[in-house]
């Protein structure tokens, strides 16, 4: 089954074709980062306008890349939410139009859950049950998946998501948006042990908190600025290491509590190679195998939408295009 995936939840326009939920045939993406960068964050109106400009071009490109025509598409999967409403509407409009014209099944996919399915596009996929640590700009969640139909959230952030903390700390250090890649780059030449930062909620259940860590960095910066040049590399490295400790130790604790031996580490923050190594090593020492998507599939992409859409279609069937609505604030688990 060749599924066409459409992703327009925020500032990346992406279209992909995935066969049977595991084999990526083609993927095309247009990033808006360089346009939003000048504003220090995503501008919703600009994002939706740019999706309109790019989406038809990407559709043609992905068909050419896969050497297929629309007649070879067996179904369509589209991001239904969460995300920016205007951006979601662009993708949904195209998905509905294609599904109606081609008379193909349409599936509305949860963007955050779809990140887990990036791991199914790798050489090896996890085996149920497993825990997914979904870490991105807007989400930090631990999900226990028993199969493609049954999953539950066992941990979440109580305030800032990890990706938000990266952006805010980058701003404190005078680094540009987006903060994650900039902190990773700066930290390469720094000492991750020079500054000991707090580990909020580390011994309290499976929930996360990054607000206190961000505040600790703020106070550290204010203190060091009065003493001379700011040691940006050391602060970046120490902050990044601390985030890795929080994520890794919380995930390990959840695995031990639920008898789980496999973890999927996914979402935009999982593109950070230092965090990948740190978390994988920590879990490996406890006998837990970590599955991490390829870096290009860690951030928002359409292949994960098509992959999740395939398994969702197998279990639940298609949605009615006439009644499928975008859900900007769609919770992963109610």
Foldseek 3Di string as FASTA:
>chain_A
DWEWFFEQQFFKTKIFIAPLLAATLFIDIDGPCVVCQVVQDGDLVVRLVVNLVCNVVNVVVRCVSSVHDLLPHQEYFYAQDAHRQSRRVSRLVVRLVSCVVNVHFYAHDHQQVLQLSLLSHDPDHDDPFAWEQAAEQAWGWIKTDRDLVDIDTFETEPDGTPQVLQSLLCVLLVHTPPRLVRLLVLQVPADLPPDAFDQPCLVPGLYHYCPRRSVRSNVVSVVVVVVDDDSSNHSSSNSVVSVLCNSQSSSLVVCVVVVHQEYEYAALSLLRVVSVVSNQVSSVVVNHHYRYRPSVSRYDHRSSSRSSRSVCCVPPNGDDSVPRHRDNPDDPHD
